[in-house]
Amino acid sequence: MKIDKALGAAIIAIIILGSLTGGFAYLNLTATPKEVLKEGAEISATISINFTNGNVLGPYNITTKNATVYGFLLEAAKPENGNFTVKATYWGSYDSMFVDSIAGAEGGQDGKWWQYYVNGELPMVGCDKYIVQNNDYIEWKFEVPAWG
């Protein structure tokens, strides 16, 4: 009798595990993956710089092989595009670039800092780590961070 209960419990556990595994496999097969970019492929996106005081630089339609948000910012700053300055600092503890100023607007003024958004969302990764996809909309905003 004890063997029958143990065997029954094992069979039920196998059925549940199989159902979960099959369900996850189905989700993975039906999910639409983000476009995979080939190394060195050109990416096109739009970028704007919003000073949140009514002044906006751009939007600039940029095509580049430097497909990070930081790369697009540097491309937008070139004379043939926006012709503005960008100052940034590499923070080793975060292994990431931190944008100190854009077009002379220095971070820390009135508690404002440069933050970037991609397609309206604030990513939680450094601008040199975020890989831009074709047709993304990048917006840099000079604002007080939500966290204080």
N, C-alpha and C. Protein backbone atom coordinates (compact mmCIF):
# COMPACT_ATOMS: atom_id res chain seq x y z
N MET A 1 0.81 -1.18 0.00
CA MET A 1 0.00 0.00 0.00
C MET A 1 0.87 1.27 0.00
N LYS A 2 1.95 1.28 0.83
CA LYS A 2 2.84 2.42 0.87
C LYS A 2 3.53 2.61 -0.48
N ILE A 3 3.87 1.51 -1.14
CA ILE A 3 4.53 1.58 -2.44
C ILE A 3 3.59 2.19 -3.46
N ASP A 4 2.30 1.81 -3.42
CA ASP A 4 1.32 2.35 -4.35
C ASP A 4 1.16 3.86 -4.18
N LYS A 5 1.14 4.34 -2.92
CA LYS A 5 1.02 5.78 -2.67
C LYS A 5 2.25 6.52 -3.17
N ALA A 6 3.43 5.96 -2.91
CA ALA A 6 4.67 6.58 -3.36
C ALA A 6 4.74 6.60 -4.88
N LEU A 7 4.33 5.50 -5.52
CA LEU A 7 4.33 5.43 -6.98
C LEU A 7 3.33 6.43 -7.55
N GLY A 8 2.17 6.53 -6.95
CA GLY A 8 1.15 7.49 -7.40
C GLY A 8 1.64 8.92 -7.27
N ALA A 9 2.29 9.24 -6.15
CA ALA A 9 2.82 10.58 -5.93
C ALA A 9 3.92 10.90 -6.94
N ALA A 10 4.77 9.91 -7.23
CA ALA A 10 5.84 10.10 -8.21
C ALA A 10 5.26 10.35 -9.60
N ILE A 11 4.23 9.61 -9.97
CA ILE A 11 3.60 9.78 -11.29
C ILE A 11 2.97 11.16 -11.40
N ILE A 12 2.29 11.60 -10.34
CA ILE A 12 1.68 12.94 -10.35
C ILE A 12 2.77 14.01 -10.46
N ALA A 13 3.87 13.86 -9.72
CA ALA A 13 4.96 14.82 -9.78
C ALA A 13 5.56 14.89 -11.18
N ILE A 14 5.71 13.73 -11.83
CA ILE A 14 6.25 13.69 -13.19
C ILE A 14 5.30 14.38 -14.16
N ILE A 15 4.01 14.17 -14.00
CA ILE A 15 3.02 14.80 -14.88
C ILE A 15 3.05 16.32 -14.71
N ILE A 16 3.10 16.77 -13.46
CA ILE A 16 3.14 18.22 -13.20
C ILE A 16 4.42 18.82 -13.76
N LEU A 17 5.55 18.19 -13.50
CA LEU A 17 6.83 18.67 -14.00
C LEU A 17 6.84 18.70 -15.52
N GLY A 18 6.32 17.65 -16.13
CA GLY A 18 6.25 17.60 -17.59
C GLY A 18 5.36 18.69 -18.16
N SER A 19 4.25 18.97 -17.49
CA SER A 19 3.35 20.04 -17.94
C SER A 19 4.03 21.40 -17.86
N LEU A 20 4.72 21.65 -16.75
CA LEU A 20 5.41 22.93 -16.60
C LEU A 20 6.52 23.08 -17.63
N THR A 21 7.30 22.04 -17.81
CA THR A 21 8.41 22.08 -18.77
C THR A 21 7.88 22.30 -20.17
N GLY A 22 6.84 21.59 -20.52
CA GLY A 22 6.24 21.75 -21.84
C GLY A 22 5.66 23.14 -22.03
N GLY A 23 5.06 23.68 -20.99
CA GLY A 23 4.50 25.03 -21.05
C GLY A 23 5.57 26.07 -21.27
N PHE A 24 6.69 25.94 -20.54
CA PHE A 24 7.79 26.88 -20.72
C PHE A 24 8.40 26.75 -22.11
N ALA A 25 8.53 25.53 -22.59
CA ALA A 25 9.07 25.32 -23.93
C ALA A 25 8.16 25.98 -24.96
N TYR A 26 6.84 25.86 -24.78
CA TYR A 26 5.90 26.49 -25.70
C TYR A 26 6.05 28.00 -25.67
N LEU A 27 6.18 28.58 -24.47
CA LEU A 27 6.34 30.03 -24.36
C LEU A 27 7.61 30.48 -25.06
N ASN A 28 8.69 29.74 -24.90
CA ASN A 28 9.95 30.10 -25.54
C ASN A 28 9.86 30.01 -27.05
N LEU A 29 9.13 29.04 -27.55
CA LEU A 29 9.01 28.88 -28.99
C LEU A 29 8.10 29.93 -29.61
N THR A 30 7.12 30.41 -28.86
CA THR A 30 6.16 31.34 -29.43
C THR A 30 6.50 32.80 -29.14
N ALA A 31 7.45 33.07 -28.25
CA ALA A 31 7.83 34.45 -27.95
C ALA A 31 8.54 35.05 -29.15
N THR A 32 8.29 36.33 -29.40
CA THR A 32 8.95 37.02 -30.50
C THR A 32 10.24 37.62 -29.97
N PRO A 33 11.40 37.14 -30.41
CA PRO A 33 12.66 37.68 -29.90
C PRO A 33 12.93 39.06 -30.48
N LYS A 34 13.72 39.86 -29.75
CA LYS A 34 14.17 41.14 -30.29
C LYS A 34 15.05 40.84 -31.49
N GLU A 35 15.08 41.79 -32.38
CA GLU A 35 15.92 41.65 -33.56
C GLU A 35 17.37 41.44 -33.12
N VAL A 36 18.01 40.44 -33.66
CA VAL A 36 19.40 40.17 -33.34
C VAL A 36 20.25 40.94 -34.35
N LEU A 37 21.15 41.76 -33.83
CA LEU A 37 21.97 42.59 -34.70
C LEU A 37 23.31 41.94 -34.96
N LYS A 38 23.72 42.00 -36.21
CA LYS A 38 25.03 41.48 -36.56
C LYS A 38 26.07 42.52 -36.17
N GLU A 39 27.21 42.04 -35.71
CA GLU A 39 28.28 42.95 -35.33
C GLU A 39 28.69 43.79 -36.53
N GLY A 40 28.75 45.09 -36.33
CA GLY A 40 29.13 45.99 -37.41
C GLY A 40 27.98 46.43 -38.29
N ALA A 41 26.76 45.98 -38.00
CA ALA A 41 25.61 46.37 -38.80
C ALA A 41 25.23 47.81 -38.48
N GLU A 42 24.77 48.54 -39.50
CA GLU A 42 24.32 49.90 -39.26
C GLU A 42 22.92 49.89 -38.67
N ILE A 43 22.71 50.77 -37.71
CA ILE A 43 21.44 50.89 -37.01
C ILE A 43 20.94 52.32 -37.20
N SER A 44 19.64 52.46 -37.43
CA SER A 44 19.04 53.79 -37.57
C SER A 44 18.08 54.02 -36.41
N ALA A 45 18.20 55.19 -35.79
CA ALA A 45 17.32 55.56 -34.68
C ALA A 45 17.22 57.08 -34.65
N THR A 46 16.29 57.56 -33.85
CA THR A 46 16.08 59.00 -33.69
C THR A 46 16.45 59.37 -32.26
N ILE A 47 17.12 60.52 -32.13
CA ILE A 47 17.56 60.98 -30.81
C ILE A 47 17.23 62.46 -30.66
N SER A 48 16.80 62.83 -29.45
CA SER A 48 16.58 64.24 -29.14
C SER A 48 17.13 64.52 -27.74
N ILE A 49 17.45 65.79 -27.51
CA ILE A 49 18.01 66.24 -26.24
C ILE A 49 17.04 67.26 -25.67
N ASN A 50 16.43 66.94 -24.53
CA ASN A 50 15.39 67.77 -23.93
C ASN A 50 15.94 68.40 -22.65
N PHE A 51 16.04 69.72 -22.65
CA PHE A 51 16.56 70.43 -21.49
C PHE A 51 15.48 70.68 -20.45
N THR A 52 14.27 70.28 -20.71
CA THR A 52 13.08 70.40 -19.84
C THR A 52 12.78 71.83 -19.41
N ASN A 53 13.31 72.80 -20.17
CA ASN A 53 12.98 74.21 -19.94
C ASN A 53 12.37 74.79 -21.22
N GLY A 54 11.96 73.92 -22.11
CA GLY A 54 11.41 74.34 -23.39
C GLY A 54 12.39 74.20 -24.54
N ASN A 55 13.68 74.10 -24.23
CA ASN A 55 14.69 73.94 -25.28
C ASN A 55 14.90 72.46 -25.60
N VAL A 56 14.87 72.15 -26.89
CA VAL A 56 15.09 70.78 -27.35
C VAL A 56 16.04 70.82 -28.54
N LEU A 57 17.04 69.97 -28.52
CA LEU A 57 17.91 69.77 -29.68
C LEU A 57 17.41 68.54 -30.42
N GLY A 58 17.27 68.66 -31.72
CA GLY A 58 16.79 67.53 -32.51
C GLY A 58 15.31 67.63 -32.75
N PRO A 59 14.71 66.56 -33.16
CA PRO A 59 15.26 65.20 -33.24
C PRO A 59 16.22 65.04 -34.43
N TYR A 60 17.19 64.16 -34.22
CA TYR A 60 18.16 63.82 -35.25
C TYR A 60 17.95 62.37 -35.65
N ASN A 61 17.86 62.13 -36.94
CA ASN A 61 17.80 60.76 -37.45
C ASN A 61 19.23 60.33 -37.74
N ILE A 62 19.71 59.37 -36.98
CA ILE A 62 21.11 58.95 -37.03
C ILE A 62 21.19 57.50 -37.50
N THR A 63 22.19 57.23 -38.35
CA THR A 63 22.52 55.86 -38.73
C THR A 63 23.99 55.66 -38.39
N THR A 64 24.29 54.64 -37.61
CA THR A 64 25.66 54.40 -37.17
C THR A 64 25.88 52.92 -36.87
N LYS A 65 27.15 52.55 -36.82
CA LYS A 65 27.52 51.20 -36.39
C LYS A 65 27.77 51.16 -34.89
N ASN A 66 27.90 52.33 -34.28
CA ASN A 66 28.13 52.45 -32.83
C ASN A 66 26.77 52.42 -32.15
N ALA A 67 26.21 51.23 -31.98
CA ALA A 67 24.79 51.04 -31.67
C ALA A 67 24.44 51.07 -30.19
N THR A 68 25.15 51.87 -29.39
CA THR A 68 24.74 52.06 -28.00
C THR A 68 24.08 53.43 -27.88
N VAL A 69 23.35 53.66 -26.81
CA VAL A 69 22.74 54.97 -26.59
C VAL A 69 23.84 56.04 -26.52
N TYR A 70 24.95 55.71 -25.88
CA TYR A 70 26.07 56.65 -25.79
C TYR A 70 26.64 56.93 -27.18
N GLY A 71 26.78 55.90 -27.98
CA GLY A 71 27.27 56.07 -29.35
C GLY A 71 26.37 56.98 -30.17
N PHE A 72 25.06 56.82 -30.02
CA PHE A 72 24.13 57.69 -30.74
C PHE A 72 24.23 59.13 -30.24
N LEU A 73 24.44 59.32 -28.95
CA LEU A 73 24.61 60.66 -28.41
C LEU A 73 25.85 61.32 -29.02
N LEU A 74 26.95 60.59 -29.10
CA LEU A 74 28.18 61.13 -29.69
C LEU A 74 27.99 61.44 -31.17
N GLU A 75 27.26 60.60 -31.87
CA GLU A 75 26.97 60.86 -33.29
C GLU A 75 26.12 62.12 -33.45
N ALA A 76 25.12 62.28 -32.58
CA ALA A 76 24.25 63.46 -32.64
C ALA A 76 25.04 64.74 -32.37
N ALA A 77 26.09 64.64 -31.56
CA ALA A 77 26.89 65.81 -31.18
C ALA A 77 27.84 66.28 -32.29
N LYS A 78 28.06 65.46 -33.30
CA LYS A 78 29.00 65.82 -34.38
C LYS A 78 28.52 67.06 -35.13
N PRO A 79 29.47 67.82 -35.71
CA PRO A 79 29.12 69.06 -36.42
C PRO A 79 28.07 68.88 -37.52
N GLU A 80 28.07 67.76 -38.20
CA GLU A 80 27.10 67.55 -39.28
C GLU A 80 25.69 67.26 -38.75
N ASN A 81 25.56 67.07 -37.45
CA ASN A 81 24.25 66.83 -36.84
C ASN A 81 23.93 68.01 -35.92
N GLY A 82 24.09 67.84 -34.62
CA GLY A 82 23.70 68.89 -33.67
C GLY A 82 24.78 69.87 -33.30
N ASN A 83 26.05 69.47 -33.48
CA ASN A 83 27.19 70.33 -33.17
C ASN A 83 27.15 70.86 -31.73
N PHE A 84 27.13 69.93 -30.77
CA PHE A 84 27.15 70.31 -29.35
C PHE A 84 28.18 69.45 -28.63
N THR A 85 28.51 69.84 -27.41
CA THR A 85 29.52 69.11 -26.64
C THR A 85 28.87 68.07 -25.72
N VAL A 86 29.63 67.02 -25.48
CA VAL A 86 29.23 65.97 -24.53
C VAL A 86 30.43 65.71 -23.64
N LYS A 87 30.22 65.76 -22.34
CA LYS A 87 31.27 65.39 -21.38
C LYS A 87 30.76 64.19 -20.59
N ALA A 88 31.62 63.20 -20.45
CA ALA A 88 31.22 61.98 -19.74
C ALA A 88 32.40 61.46 -18.94
N THR A 89 32.09 60.68 -17.92
CA THR A 89 33.08 60.07 -17.05
C THR A 89 32.83 58.57 -16.99
N TYR A 90 33.92 57.81 -17.08
CA TYR A 90 33.79 56.36 -16.90
C TYR A 90 33.86 56.05 -15.41
N TRP A 91 32.87 55.32 -14.91
CA TRP A 91 32.83 54.89 -13.52
C TRP A 91 33.15 53.40 -13.48
N GLY A 92 34.36 53.09 -13.03
CA GLY A 92 34.80 51.70 -12.96
C GLY A 92 33.95 50.84 -12.06
N SER A 93 33.45 51.41 -10.97
CA SER A 93 32.64 50.61 -10.04
C SER A 93 31.33 50.16 -10.68
N TYR A 94 30.88 50.88 -11.70
CA TYR A 94 29.66 50.49 -12.42
C TYR A 94 29.98 49.94 -13.81
N ASP A 95 31.27 50.01 -14.20
CA ASP A 95 31.70 49.60 -15.53
C ASP A 95 30.84 50.27 -16.59
N SER A 96 30.68 51.59 -16.45
CA SER A 96 29.77 52.30 -17.34
C SER A 96 30.13 53.78 -17.44
N MET A 97 29.67 54.39 -18.53
CA MET A 97 29.85 55.82 -18.74
C MET A 97 28.71 56.58 -18.05
N PHE A 98 29.06 57.73 -17.49
CA PHE A 98 28.08 58.62 -16.86
C PHE A 98 28.17 59.96 -17.59
N VAL A 99 27.08 60.43 -18.16
CA VAL A 99 27.07 61.69 -18.91
C VAL A 99 27.00 62.84 -17.91
N ASP A 100 28.06 63.65 -17.90
CA ASP A 100 28.16 64.78 -16.99
C ASP A 100 27.46 66.02 -17.54
N SER A 101 27.63 66.27 -18.85
CA SER A 101 27.00 67.45 -19.44
C SER A 101 26.73 67.24 -20.92
N ILE A 102 25.70 67.92 -21.39
CA ILE A 102 25.36 67.95 -22.81
C ILE A 102 25.11 69.41 -23.16
N ALA A 103 25.80 69.89 -24.18
CA ALA A 103 25.64 71.27 -24.67
C ALA A 103 25.76 72.29 -23.53
N GLY A 104 26.67 72.03 -22.60
CA GLY A 104 26.93 72.95 -21.51
C GLY A 104 26.03 72.82 -20.29
N ALA A 105 24.98 72.02 -20.37
CA ALA A 105 24.10 71.81 -19.21
C ALA A 105 24.73 70.74 -18.33
N GLU A 106 25.30 71.19 -17.22
CA GLU A 106 26.09 70.34 -16.32
C GLU A 106 25.20 69.65 -15.30
N GLY A 107 25.36 68.34 -15.17
CA GLY A 107 24.62 67.58 -14.18
C GLY A 107 24.84 68.11 -12.77
N GLY A 108 23.80 68.10 -11.95
CA GLY A 108 23.86 68.58 -10.58
C GLY A 108 23.23 69.94 -10.40
N GLN A 109 22.99 70.67 -11.50
CA GLN A 109 22.34 71.98 -11.41
C GLN A 109 20.89 71.80 -10.98
N ASP A 110 20.52 72.41 -9.88
CA ASP A 110 19.14 72.32 -9.35
C ASP A 110 18.70 70.88 -9.15
N GLY A 111 19.65 70.00 -8.86
CA GLY A 111 19.32 68.59 -8.64
C GLY A 111 19.01 67.82 -9.90
N LYS A 112 19.27 68.43 -11.06
CA LYS A 112 18.98 67.78 -12.34
C LYS A 112 20.21 67.02 -12.85
N TRP A 113 19.94 65.90 -13.49
CA TRP A 113 20.98 65.07 -14.08
C TRP A 113 20.50 64.61 -15.44
N TRP A 114 21.42 64.20 -16.28
CA TRP A 114 21.06 63.68 -17.60
C TRP A 114 20.63 62.23 -17.48
N GLN A 115 19.44 61.95 -17.93
CA GLN A 115 18.90 60.58 -17.97
C GLN A 115 18.42 60.31 -19.38
N TYR A 116 18.49 59.07 -19.79
CA TYR A 116 18.01 58.75 -21.14
C TYR A 116 16.83 57.80 -21.08
N TYR A 117 16.01 57.90 -22.10
CA TYR A 117 14.83 57.05 -22.25
C TYR A 117 14.89 56.44 -23.65
N VAL A 118 14.47 55.21 -23.76
CA VAL A 118 14.36 54.56 -25.07
C VAL A 118 12.91 54.14 -25.24
N ASN A 119 12.31 54.68 -26.29
CA ASN A 119 10.89 54.42 -26.56
C ASN A 119 10.02 54.73 -25.35
N GLY A 120 10.37 55.81 -24.64
CA GLY A 120 9.57 56.27 -23.51
C GLY A 120 9.85 55.58 -22.19
N GLU A 121 10.79 54.64 -22.17
CA GLU A 121 11.09 53.91 -20.93
C GLU A 121 12.50 54.24 -20.45
N LEU A 122 12.65 54.33 -19.13
CA LEU A 122 13.94 54.61 -18.50
C LEU A 122 14.65 53.29 -18.23
N PRO A 123 15.68 52.96 -19.03
CA PRO A 123 16.42 51.71 -18.77
C PRO A 123 17.26 51.81 -17.50
N MET A 124 17.53 50.69 -16.89
CA MET A 124 18.34 50.65 -15.68
C MET A 124 19.72 50.08 -15.99
N VAL A 125 20.33 50.60 -17.05
CA VAL A 125 21.66 50.18 -17.46
C VAL A 125 22.36 51.42 -18.02
N GLY A 126 23.68 51.45 -17.92
CA GLY A 126 24.44 52.58 -18.42
C GLY A 126 24.24 52.81 -19.90
N CYS A 127 24.37 54.07 -20.32
CA CYS A 127 24.11 54.43 -21.72
C CYS A 127 25.07 53.76 -22.69
N ASP A 128 26.25 53.38 -22.23
CA ASP A 128 27.19 52.69 -23.11
C ASP A 128 26.96 51.18 -23.14
N LYS A 129 26.00 50.72 -22.38
CA LYS A 129 25.67 49.28 -22.34
C LYS A 129 24.36 48.96 -23.05
N TYR A 130 23.51 49.96 -23.23
CA TYR A 130 22.20 49.72 -23.85
C TYR A 130 22.36 49.66 -25.36
N ILE A 131 22.01 48.54 -25.96
CA ILE A 131 22.11 48.34 -27.41
C ILE A 131 20.83 48.83 -28.07
N VAL A 132 20.99 49.77 -28.98
CA VAL A 132 19.87 50.37 -29.70
C VAL A 132 19.42 49.44 -30.82
N GLN A 133 18.12 49.36 -31.01
CA GLN A 133 17.52 48.58 -32.10
C GLN A 133 17.07 49.55 -33.19
N ASN A 134 16.94 49.06 -34.41
CA ASN A 134 16.44 49.89 -35.51
C ASN A 134 15.13 50.55 -35.12
N ASN A 135 15.01 51.83 -35.46
CA ASN A 135 13.80 52.63 -35.26
C ASN A 135 13.49 52.96 -33.81
N ASP A 136 14.45 52.76 -32.90
CA ASP A 136 14.24 53.19 -31.52
C ASP A 136 14.20 54.71 -31.47
N TYR A 137 13.53 55.24 -30.45
CA TYR A 137 13.52 56.68 -30.20
C TYR A 137 14.23 56.91 -28.86
N ILE A 138 15.36 57.61 -28.92
CA ILE A 138 16.17 57.90 -27.74
C ILE A 138 15.93 59.35 -27.34
N GLU A 139 15.64 59.57 -26.08
CA GLU A 139 15.47 60.94 -25.60
C GLU A 139 16.31 61.13 -24.34
N TRP A 140 17.20 62.11 -24.38
CA TRP A 140 17.95 62.50 -23.20
C TRP A 140 17.20 63.64 -22.54
N LYS A 141 16.99 63.54 -21.23
CA LYS A 141 16.27 64.57 -20.48
C LYS A 141 17.13 65.06 -19.32
N PHE A 142 17.16 66.37 -19.15
CA PHE A 142 17.87 66.99 -18.04
C PHE A 142 16.83 67.24 -16.95
N GLU A 143 16.77 66.34 -15.97
CA GLU A 143 15.68 66.38 -15.00
C GLU A 143 16.12 65.86 -13.63
N VAL A 144 15.29 66.14 -12.66
CA VAL A 144 15.50 65.60 -11.32
C VAL A 144 15.10 64.13 -11.36
N PRO A 145 15.99 63.22 -10.96
CA PRO A 145 15.64 61.80 -10.99
C PRO A 145 14.45 61.48 -10.09
N ALA A 146 13.67 60.52 -10.48
CA ALA A 146 12.48 60.12 -9.71
C ALA A 146 12.86 59.63 -8.31
N TRP A 147 14.06 59.06 -8.18
CA TRP A 147 14.48 58.50 -6.89
C TRP A 147 15.13 59.54 -6.00
N GLY A 148 15.17 60.79 -6.42
CA GLY A 148 15.57 61.80 -5.50
C GLY A 148 16.72 62.64 -5.80
